């Protein structure tokens, strides 16, 4: 059974389509109208071995906040839908990724319980015109709507671009491990018998 999903979200602030295929590794196309954010989502797809189609626009003439946050909502919903009942998945994933002077560790649990720990600080406020503070908003929206427990810890680093790049690469690699099927797991990896997101 294909593990893929499409989410469409249209509000007065944003217009977004997100498609993810957990088992196709090529053919991603990303266009959010925010170049730096496009780059980060491209890294996520490449290093997580996901096929990701993203098309989005929004009221970026005011601020990038609504579009970045709503992208997190849509990606979280798409991932949750693509995983279905989460049968046979490894559930947990961890990755530690260096990017020049930075080192970032990401640990996650596809638990059905949304929770974000985000221990990341930036040396400068803007990368081009992009505000790094929005990355936390993206991951908060993602966890809330995917039902994933996500811990992102920057161990060290000072270049804001490198820091965010390490975050997305580590996130991608950790998520890939968690969504992989494990032949030793029948049903779901939980004593409760379910890891569905609470409604």
Protein backbone atom coordinates (compact mmCIF):
# COMPACT_ATOMS: atom_id res chain seq x y z
CA UNK A 1 0.00 0.00 0.00
CA UNK A 2 1.38 3.40 -1.03
CA UNK A 3 2.44 5.62 1.84
CA UNK A 4 1.64 8.98 0.36
CA UNK A 5 -0.72 11.88 0.99
CA UNK A 6 -1.79 15.25 -0.29
CA UNK A 7 -2.95 18.19 1.82
CA UNK A 8 -4.50 21.41 0.51
CA UNK A 9 -4.92 24.40 2.80
CA UNK A 10 -6.40 27.70 1.65
CA UNK A 11 -7.10 30.61 3.98
CA UNK A 12 -7.18 34.39 3.65
CA UNK A 13 -3.48 34.33 4.55
CA UNK A 14 -2.05 31.34 2.65
CA UNK A 15 -2.68 28.97 -0.26
CA UNK A 16 -0.71 25.72 0.09
CA UNK A 17 -0.49 22.25 -1.46
CA UNK A 18 1.79 19.61 0.04
CA UNK A 19 2.28 16.09 -1.27
CA UNK A 20 4.62 13.54 0.30
CA UNK A 21 5.53 10.01 -0.72
CA UNK A 22 7.52 8.22 1.97
CA UNK A 23 8.80 5.52 -0.38
CA UNK A 24 9.79 7.49 -3.49
CA UNK A 25 13.23 9.06 -3.35
CA UNK A 26 13.30 11.41 -6.33
CA UNK A 27 11.28 14.02 -8.18
CA UNK A 28 10.71 16.58 -5.43
CA UNK A 29 9.56 20.07 -6.42
CA UNK A 30 9.50 22.88 -3.87
CA UNK A 31 8.14 26.39 -4.38
CA UNK A 32 7.04 28.37 -1.32
CA UNK A 33 7.95 31.85 -2.63
CA UNK A 34 10.52 32.09 0.21
CA UNK A 35 13.90 31.11 -1.30
CA UNK A 36 15.71 30.26 1.95
CA UNK A 37 12.80 28.12 3.14
CA UNK A 38 12.67 26.37 -0.26
CA UNK A 39 16.33 25.46 0.27
CA UNK A 40 15.61 23.96 3.70
CA UNK A 41 12.68 21.86 2.44
CA UNK A 42 14.82 20.67 -0.48
CA UNK A 43 17.45 19.55 2.05
CA UNK A 44 14.76 17.77 4.05
CA UNK A 45 13.51 15.84 1.00
CA UNK A 46 17.01 14.96 -0.24
CA UNK A 47 18.48 13.81 3.07
CA UNK A 48 15.30 12.05 4.22
CA UNK A 49 14.83 10.24 0.88
CA UNK A 50 11.28 11.55 0.55
CA UNK A 51 9.48 12.71 -2.57
CA UNK A 52 8.05 16.08 -1.61
CA UNK A 53 5.88 18.37 -3.72
CA UNK A 54 5.23 21.78 -2.20
CA UNK A 55 3.50 24.78 -3.73
CA UNK A 56 2.66 27.73 -1.55
CA UNK A 57 2.07 31.43 -1.45
CA UNK A 58 0.82 33.82 1.17
CA UNK A 59 0.85 37.29 2.63
CA UNK A 60 4.65 37.50 2.64
CA UNK A 61 4.40 41.23 1.87
CA UNK A 62 3.44 41.51 5.55
CA UNK A 63 5.70 38.80 6.99
CA UNK A 64 6.79 35.20 6.27
CA UNK A 65 5.24 33.96 9.51
CA UNK A 66 1.83 32.77 8.26
CA UNK A 67 3.26 30.89 5.29
CA UNK A 68 6.05 29.16 7.23
CA UNK A 69 3.72 28.16 10.07
CA UNK A 70 1.03 26.88 7.70
CA UNK A 71 3.66 24.87 5.84
CA UNK A 72 4.39 23.14 9.14
CA UNK A 73 0.69 22.42 9.59
CA UNK A 74 0.39 20.94 6.09
CA UNK A 75 3.57 18.86 6.27
CA UNK A 76 2.52 17.49 9.65
CA UNK A 77 -0.94 16.56 8.36
CA UNK A 78 0.51 15.02 5.19
CA UNK A 79 2.99 12.90 7.12
CA UNK A 80 0.32 11.69 9.54
CA UNK A 81 -1.99 10.78 6.67
CA UNK A 82 0.78 9.01 4.72
CA UNK A 83 1.72 6.89 7.76
CA UNK A 84 -1.86 5.70 8.23
CA UNK A 85 -2.08 3.31 11.19
CA UNK A 86 1.75 3.28 11.42
CA UNK A 87 1.87 -0.50 11.08
CA UNK A 88 5.39 -1.93 11.01
CA UNK A 89 7.29 1.35 11.34
CA UNK A 90 10.41 1.65 13.48
CA UNK A 91 8.74 4.59 15.28
CA UNK A 92 11.92 6.09 16.80
CA UNK A 93 14.66 7.95 14.97
CA UNK A 94 17.82 9.83 15.94
CA UNK A 95 20.48 11.63 13.94
CA UNK A 96 23.44 13.85 14.73
CA UNK A 97 24.61 15.98 11.80
CA UNK A 98 27.62 18.28 11.47
CA UNK A 99 27.57 21.33 9.21
CA UNK A 100 30.99 22.98 9.28
CA UNK A 101 31.29 24.46 12.79
CA UNK A 102 27.78 23.32 13.85
CA UNK A 103 26.58 20.06 15.31
CA UNK A 104 22.86 19.34 15.69
CA UNK A 105 21.11 16.32 17.19
CA UNK A 106 17.48 15.39 16.51
CA UNK A 107 15.58 12.63 18.30
CA UNK A 108 11.95 11.82 17.56
CA UNK A 109 9.15 9.44 18.38
CA UNK A 110 6.13 8.91 16.14
CA UNK A 111 4.12 8.59 19.31
CA UNK A 112 0.74 10.17 18.65
CA UNK A 113 1.72 12.75 21.30
CA UNK A 114 2.79 16.11 19.87
CA UNK A 115 5.66 17.69 21.79
CA UNK A 116 8.52 19.95 20.76
CA UNK A 117 11.82 20.62 22.52
CA UNK A 118 13.79 23.21 20.54
CA UNK A 119 17.13 24.18 22.02
CA UNK A 120 18.52 26.29 19.18
CA UNK A 121 19.86 29.83 19.30
CA UNK A 122 21.03 32.00 16.43
CA UNK A 123 23.90 34.45 16.17
CA UNK A 124 22.04 36.87 13.92
CA UNK A 125 18.45 37.85 13.46
CA UNK A 126 18.14 37.67 9.66
CA UNK A 127 19.47 35.41 6.92
CA UNK A 128 18.95 37.59 3.89
CA UNK A 129 15.37 38.62 4.55
CA UNK A 130 14.43 35.45 6.47
CA UNK A 131 13.86 35.47 10.23
CA UNK A 132 15.39 32.31 11.82
CA UNK A 133 12.86 32.51 14.68
CA UNK A 134 10.24 31.21 12.23
CA UNK A 135 11.93 27.80 12.12
CA UNK A 136 10.71 27.04 15.64
CA UNK A 137 7.17 28.06 14.58
CA UNK A 138 7.41 25.66 11.64
CA UNK A 139 8.41 22.73 13.85
CA UNK A 140 5.80 23.59 16.48
CA UNK A 141 3.07 23.49 13.83
CA UNK A 142 4.55 20.28 12.40
CA UNK A 143 4.56 18.46 15.74
CA UNK A 144 1.07 19.66 16.68
CA UNK A 145 -0.39 18.31 13.44
CA UNK A 146 1.68 15.13 12.99
CA UNK A 147 1.48 13.83 16.56
CA UNK A 148 5.26 13.50 16.77
CA UNK A 149 7.46 14.02 19.82
CA UNK A 150 10.44 15.99 18.48
CA UNK A 151 13.62 17.04 20.29
CA UNK A 152 15.97 19.36 18.40
CA UNK A 153 19.19 20.24 20.18
CA UNK A 154 21.99 22.37 18.77
CA UNK A 155 25.14 21.13 20.50
CA UNK A 156 27.22 24.03 19.19
CA UNK A 157 27.57 26.40 16.26
CA UNK A 158 27.46 30.10 15.42
CA UNK A 159 26.60 30.62 11.74
CA UNK A 160 22.80 30.90 11.51
CA UNK A 161 22.60 29.46 7.98
CA UNK A 162 24.74 26.48 8.96
CA UNK A 163 22.70 25.94 12.13
CA UNK A 164 19.36 25.76 10.32
CA UNK A 165 20.83 23.56 7.60
CA UNK A 166 22.13 21.12 10.24
CA UNK A 167 18.69 21.16 11.91
CA UNK A 168 16.86 20.21 8.71
CA UNK A 169 19.37 17.55 7.69
CA UNK A 170 19.28 15.93 11.14
CA UNK A 171 15.48 16.13 11.18
CA UNK A 172 15.30 14.47 7.77
CA UNK A 173 17.64 11.62 8.71
CA UNK A 174 15.92 10.98 12.04
CA UNK A 175 12.49 10.94 10.42
CA UNK A 176 13.67 8.57 7.70
CA UNK A 177 14.79 6.08 10.37
CA UNK A 178 11.48 6.38 12.21
CA UNK A 179 9.21 5.86 9.19
CA UNK A 180 11.21 2.92 7.81
CA UNK A 181 9.43 -0.42 7.92
CA UNK A 182 10.93 -3.06 10.20
CA UNK A 183 10.23 -6.68 9.30
CA UNK A 184 10.50 -7.64 12.97
CA UNK A 185 7.54 -5.45 13.90
CA UNK A 186 4.04 -6.81 13.40
CA UNK A 187 1.29 -4.30 14.03
CA UNK A 188 2.47 -1.17 15.83
CA UNK A 189 5.40 -0.79 18.21
CA UNK A 190 3.39 -0.01 21.32
CA UNK A 191 2.11 -1.97 24.31
CA UNK A 192 -1.15 0.00 23.94
CA UNK A 193 -1.64 -1.42 20.47
CA UNK A 194 -2.06 2.04 18.95
CA UNK A 195 0.04 5.14 18.30
CA UNK A 196 -2.73 7.17 16.77
CA UNK A 197 -2.72 10.92 17.39
CA UNK A 198 -5.19 11.89 20.10
CA UNK A 199 -8.11 13.90 18.76
